[in-house]
Amino acid sequence: MKGLRGFDVIGLFVICMYVVALSIVVSGRPATFLEDFRVTWADNHVRQLDGGRGIQLVLDQSSGCGFASRRQYLFGKVSMKIKLVPGDSAGTVTAFYMNSDTDTIRDELDFEFLGNRSGQPYTVQTNIYAHGKGDREQRVNLWFDPAADFHTYSIMWTRWLIIFGVDDIPIRVYKNHEEKGIPYPKLQPMGVYSTLWEADDWATRGGLEKIDWKKAPFYAYYKDFDIEGCPVPGPANCPSNPNNWWEGTAYRTLSPAQA
């Protein structure tokens, strides 16, 4: 599988550095929905739970829905615990991503969870847009049932690496290779977004499996929002502030053997 082959090449070094990053970070105030996010689409389909510490997204025949952070950030790490749509979720997509909201020159870092027929594995698709250029999709079948319980999904974004993590396990690392003429997102701040929507023209088995509206409504659940990044507008030295843990030398490059 394409995504897993990339993971094998990355090797143990990146895993170790990722775990170290998680262990040395001093967590700030946990994000809550009311304070840090806003509904962007169909507010009657976004339901706050536990005083805003959790939310439920709803998809039915009338609408999907979505939310976004109130601020944009330049580098850092974002994570959420998500419990995906259970049962027959074919044709649905639950997305968790960062986006610069700059149209044709946008930068974007995507998790897209592609719904499945009951009993089939859930597929997660990652993608990276840099200066409007995408087409970097990779897919991995999750090794657990992501609808049975909450799992942590994270994006760590630095000037040198982007790491997509599942329960603190890197499933994809994208390195900055601007020296080879490959665009890398590093100039535009990005907001944090999530949506639940219908995409049965492509999401499940390339569109062969259609959504079954008789199973609607479909629900996805979120909690433990965490944003550790440099907010923009904010300090002018966001990209190079040594007080930002992700600027540490341990997170700048792979070893020569793993590069």
Protein backbone atom coordinates (compact mmCIF):
# COMPACT_ATOMS: atom_id res chain seq x y z
CA MET A 1 0.00 0.00 0.00
CA LYS A 2 1.34 3.39 -0.98
CA GLY A 3 0.96 5.07 2.41
CA LEU A 4 2.48 2.14 4.30
CA ARG A 5 5.48 1.92 1.97
CA GLY A 6 6.19 5.58 2.68
CA PHE A 7 5.93 4.87 6.38
CA ASP A 8 8.46 2.01 6.13
CA VAL A 9 10.99 4.29 4.45
CA ILE A 10 10.69 6.90 7.18
CA GLY A 11 11.82 4.45 9.80
CA LEU A 12 12.32 4.45 13.51
CA PHE A 13 14.15 7.77 13.71
CA VAL A 14 11.12 9.88 12.85
CA ILE A 15 8.91 7.88 15.21
CA CYS A 16 11.34 8.52 18.06
CA MET A 17 11.55 12.24 17.32
CA TYR A 18 7.77 12.49 17.12
CA VAL A 19 7.30 10.77 20.47
CA VAL A 20 9.97 13.00 22.05
CA ALA A 21 8.11 16.06 20.76
CA LEU A 22 4.94 14.90 22.40
CA SER A 23 6.68 14.17 25.69
CA ILE A 24 8.55 17.47 26.12
CA VAL A 25 5.76 19.81 25.08
CA VAL A 26 4.23 21.98 27.77
CA SER A 27 0.55 21.95 26.96
CA GLY A 28 -1.30 25.23 26.94
CA ARG A 29 -4.94 25.82 27.69
CA PRO A 30 -7.05 23.05 26.13
CA ALA A 31 -9.16 24.40 23.31
CA THR A 32 -12.93 24.37 23.65
CA PHE A 33 -15.43 24.68 20.86
CA LEU A 34 -17.05 27.89 22.09
CA GLU A 35 -13.77 29.73 22.67
CA ASP A 36 -11.67 28.53 19.78
CA PHE A 37 -13.99 27.44 16.96
CA ARG A 38 -16.97 28.64 14.96
CA VAL A 39 -19.55 26.85 12.85
CA THR A 40 -18.95 27.41 9.14
CA TRP A 41 -21.79 25.41 7.66
CA ALA A 42 -25.25 24.31 8.86
CA ASP A 43 -25.17 25.34 12.52
CA ASN A 44 -28.27 23.26 13.22
CA HIS A 45 -26.21 20.16 12.37
CA VAL A 46 -23.40 20.96 14.85
CA ARG A 47 -24.33 20.06 18.43
CA GLN A 48 -22.23 21.01 21.43
CA LEU A 49 -21.72 18.39 24.11
CA ASP A 50 -20.39 18.59 27.67
CA GLY A 51 -20.39 22.38 27.82
CA GLY A 52 -18.52 22.79 24.55
CA ARG A 53 -15.76 20.33 25.39
CA GLY A 54 -17.16 18.01 22.75
CA ILE A 55 -19.33 18.26 19.66
CA GLN A 56 -21.42 16.08 17.39
CA LEU A 57 -21.52 16.60 13.62
CA VAL A 58 -24.64 15.44 11.78
CA LEU A 59 -25.09 14.47 8.12
CA ASP A 60 -28.54 13.86 6.68
CA GLN A 61 -30.23 14.35 3.32
CA SER A 62 -30.72 18.05 3.97
CA SER A 63 -27.11 18.95 4.76
CA GLY A 64 -23.68 18.12 6.03
CA CYS A 65 -21.85 20.54 8.32
CA GLY A 66 -18.51 21.93 9.38
CA PHE A 67 -16.53 24.11 11.78
CA ALA A 68 -13.27 26.05 11.83
CA SER A 69 -10.87 27.65 14.27
CA ARG A 70 -11.37 31.35 14.97
CA ARG A 71 -7.68 32.04 14.32
CA GLN A 72 -5.03 30.95 11.86
CA TYR A 73 -1.63 29.57 12.86
CA LEU A 74 1.83 29.43 11.32
CA PHE A 75 3.45 26.11 12.30
CA GLY A 76 2.83 23.98 15.35
CA LYS A 77 0.68 20.96 16.14
CA VAL A 78 -3.08 20.46 16.16
CA SER A 79 -4.96 17.41 17.33
CA MET A 80 -8.48 16.20 18.06
CA LYS A 81 -10.02 13.03 19.38
CA ILE A 82 -12.61 11.83 16.87
CA LYS A 83 -15.08 8.96 16.84
CA LEU A 84 -16.10 8.35 13.26
CA VAL A 85 -19.45 7.45 11.71
CA PRO A 86 -20.35 3.88 12.76
CA GLY A 87 -22.01 1.09 10.79
CA ASP A 88 -22.74 1.54 7.10
CA SER A 89 -20.98 4.83 6.41
CA ALA A 90 -20.29 4.31 2.69
CA GLY A 91 -20.28 7.55 0.74
CA THR A 92 -19.56 9.74 3.76
CA VAL A 93 -16.37 11.71 4.37
CA THR A 94 -15.26 13.05 7.73
CA ALA A 95 -12.45 15.56 7.20
CA PHE A 96 -9.98 17.14 9.64
CA TYR A 97 -7.58 19.54 7.98
CA MET A 98 -5.68 22.81 7.94
CA ASN A 99 -6.29 25.35 5.19
CA SER A 100 -4.93 28.79 4.31
CA ASP A 101 -8.24 29.85 2.72
CA THR A 102 -6.46 31.51 -0.20
CA ASP A 103 -8.31 29.94 -3.14
CA THR A 104 -6.06 29.00 -6.08
CA ILE A 105 -2.81 29.41 -4.13
CA ARG A 106 -4.03 27.69 -1.00
CA ASP A 107 -1.96 25.53 1.31
CA GLU A 108 -3.79 22.61 2.90
CA LEU A 109 -3.01 19.56 5.05
CA ASP A 110 -5.77 16.94 4.96
CA PHE A 111 -7.05 13.98 6.89
CA GLU A 112 -10.07 12.52 5.06
CA PHE A 113 -11.79 9.49 6.58
CA LEU A 114 -13.61 7.60 3.86
CA GLY A 115 -16.75 5.78 4.95
CA ASN A 116 -17.19 2.05 4.42
CA ARG A 117 -19.75 -0.69 4.22
CA SER A 118 -20.26 -2.47 7.54
CA GLY A 119 -17.43 -4.90 8.23
CA GLN A 120 -14.99 -3.29 5.79
CA PRO A 121 -11.90 -1.37 6.95
CA TYR A 122 -12.04 2.40 7.33
CA THR A 123 -9.62 4.16 4.99
CA VAL A 124 -7.85 7.40 5.88
CA GLN A 125 -6.59 9.54 3.02
CA THR A 126 -3.98 12.23 3.57
CA ASN A 127 -3.19 14.99 1.12
CA ILE A 128 -0.98 18.07 0.97
CA TYR A 129 -1.53 21.23 -1.05
CA ALA A 130 1.31 23.70 -1.47
CA HIS A 131 0.71 26.96 -3.37
CA GLY A 132 -2.43 25.49 -4.91
CA LYS A 133 -0.80 22.26 -6.06
CA GLY A 134 -2.24 19.04 -4.62
CA ASP A 135 -2.43 15.51 -6.07
CA ARG A 136 -0.38 14.08 -3.20
CA GLU A 137 -2.98 11.65 -1.89
CA GLN A 138 -1.94 8.60 0.10
CA ARG A 139 -4.29 6.06 1.66
CA VAL A 140 -3.93 3.75 4.66
CA ASN A 141 -6.46 1.30 6.08
CA LEU A 142 -6.79 1.93 9.81
CA TRP A 143 -5.81 -1.04 11.97
CA PHE A 144 -8.70 -0.55 14.43
CA ASP A 145 -12.39 0.35 14.32
CA PRO A 146 -12.36 4.17 14.49
CA ALA A 147 -16.11 4.27 15.09
CA ALA A 148 -16.00 2.15 18.26
CA ASP A 149 -14.13 4.72 20.37
CA PHE A 150 -12.27 8.01 20.24
CA HIS A 151 -8.79 8.11 18.71
CA THR A 152 -6.36 11.01 18.46
CA TYR A 153 -5.53 12.43 15.03
CA SER A 154 -2.82 15.07 14.77
CA ILE A 155 -0.96 17.23 12.29
CA MET A 156 2.50 18.53 13.20
CA TRP A 157 3.71 21.23 10.81
CA THR A 158 7.17 22.78 10.90
CA ARG A 159 9.42 24.47 8.37
CA TRP A 160 11.07 21.12 7.74
CA LEU A 161 8.48 18.37 8.16
CA ILE A 162 4.77 17.63 8.19
CA ILE A 163 3.73 14.60 10.25
CA PHE A 164 0.27 13.06 10.18
CA GLY A 165 -0.27 11.04 13.37
CA VAL A 166 -2.84 8.52 14.56
CA ASP A 167 -2.72 7.88 18.32
CA ASP A 168 0.80 9.38 18.31
CA ILE A 169 1.95 6.98 15.56
CA PRO A 170 3.17 8.74 12.40
CA ILE A 171 1.39 7.38 9.34
CA ARG A 172 2.91 9.87 6.92
CA VAL A 173 5.87 12.25 6.88
CA TYR A 174 6.24 14.88 4.18
CA LYS A 175 9.65 16.56 4.06
CA ASN A 176 10.55 20.01 2.78
CA HIS A 177 12.36 19.50 -0.53
CA GLU A 178 12.23 23.03 -1.88
CA GLU A 179 15.85 22.61 -2.94
CA LYS A 180 14.51 20.16 -5.55
CA GLY A 181 11.89 22.60 -6.76
CA ILE A 182 9.04 20.92 -4.86
CA PRO A 183 6.64 23.43 -3.26
CA TYR A 184 6.30 23.29 0.51
CA PRO A 185 3.70 25.13 2.63
CA LYS A 186 5.58 27.52 4.90
CA LEU A 187 4.53 31.10 4.16
CA GLN A 188 0.76 31.14 4.65
CA PRO A 189 -0.91 30.69 8.05
CA MET A 190 -3.67 28.10 8.16
CA GLY A 191 -6.86 27.60 10.11
CA VAL A 192 -8.08 24.29 11.55
CA TYR A 193 -11.22 22.83 9.96
CA SER A 194 -13.47 19.80 10.10
CA THR A 195 -16.47 18.74 8.01
CA LEU A 196 -18.86 15.82 7.63
CA TRP A 197 -20.33 15.52 4.16
CA GLU A 198 -21.59 13.24 1.39
CA ALA A 199 -19.16 12.33 -1.39
CA ASP A 200 -20.47 9.07 -2.77
CA ASP A 201 -19.20 9.87 -6.26
CA TRP A 202 -15.65 8.97 -5.11
CA ALA A 203 -15.30 8.23 -1.40
CA THR A 204 -15.99 4.48 -1.15
CA ARG A 205 -14.44 2.12 -3.70
CA GLY A 206 -14.05 4.97 -6.14
CA GLY A 207 -17.74 5.79 -6.06
CA LEU A 208 -19.03 2.25 -6.63
CA GLU A 209 -20.59 2.18 -3.15
CA LYS A 210 -23.28 4.83 -2.75
CA ILE A 211 -24.59 6.36 0.43
CA ASP A 212 -27.65 4.67 1.91
CA TRP A 213 -29.84 7.52 3.11
CA LYS A 214 -32.06 5.04 4.91
CA LYS A 215 -29.21 4.79 7.45
CA ALA A 216 -29.18 8.56 8.03
CA PRO A 217 -28.61 10.57 10.08
CA PHE A 218 -24.86 9.92 10.31
CA TYR A 219 -22.90 11.15 13.33
CA ALA A 220 -19.24 11.92 14.07
CA TYR A 221 -18.04 12.98 17.53
CA TYR A 222 -15.15 15.21 18.62
CA LYS A 223 -13.47 16.12 21.89
CA ASP A 224 -10.12 17.16 23.41
CA PHE A 225 -9.35 19.87 20.87
CA ASP A 226 -5.70 20.91 21.15
CA ILE A 227 -3.95 23.67 19.22
CA GLU A 228 -0.28 24.42 19.88
CA GLY A 229 0.75 26.93 17.27
CA CYS A 230 1.81 30.49 16.64
CA PRO A 231 -1.41 32.49 16.09
CA VAL A 232 -1.60 34.98 13.24
CA PRO A 233 -1.98 37.92 13.59
CA GLY A 234 0.60 37.52 16.30
CA PRO A 235 4.36 37.69 16.81
CA ALA A 236 6.23 38.68 13.67
CA ASN A 237 8.81 35.98 14.40
CA CYS A 238 6.37 33.05 14.20
CA PRO A 239 8.55 31.14 11.73
CA SER A 240 11.75 31.40 13.77
CA ASN A 241 10.87 31.95 17.43
CA PRO A 242 13.20 29.69 19.46
CA ASN A 243 10.58 29.51 22.21
CA ASN A 244 8.36 27.45 19.92
CA TRP A 245 9.16 23.80 20.70
CA TRP A 246 8.75 22.77 17.06
CA GLU A 247 11.70 25.01 16.14
CA GLY A 248 14.05 22.69 18.02
CA THR A 249 16.86 21.10 16.02
CA ALA A 250 15.50 17.61 16.71
CA TYR A 251 12.54 18.33 14.40
CA ARG A 252 14.37 19.92 11.47
CA THR A 253 15.65 16.98 9.49
CA LEU A 254 15.93 13.24 9.26
CA SER A 255 19.23 11.51 9.76
CA PRO A 256 21.29 11.03 6.56
CA ALA A 257 20.46 7.32 6.62
CA GLN A 258 16.72 8.05 6.65
CA ALA A 259 16.60 11.10 4.36
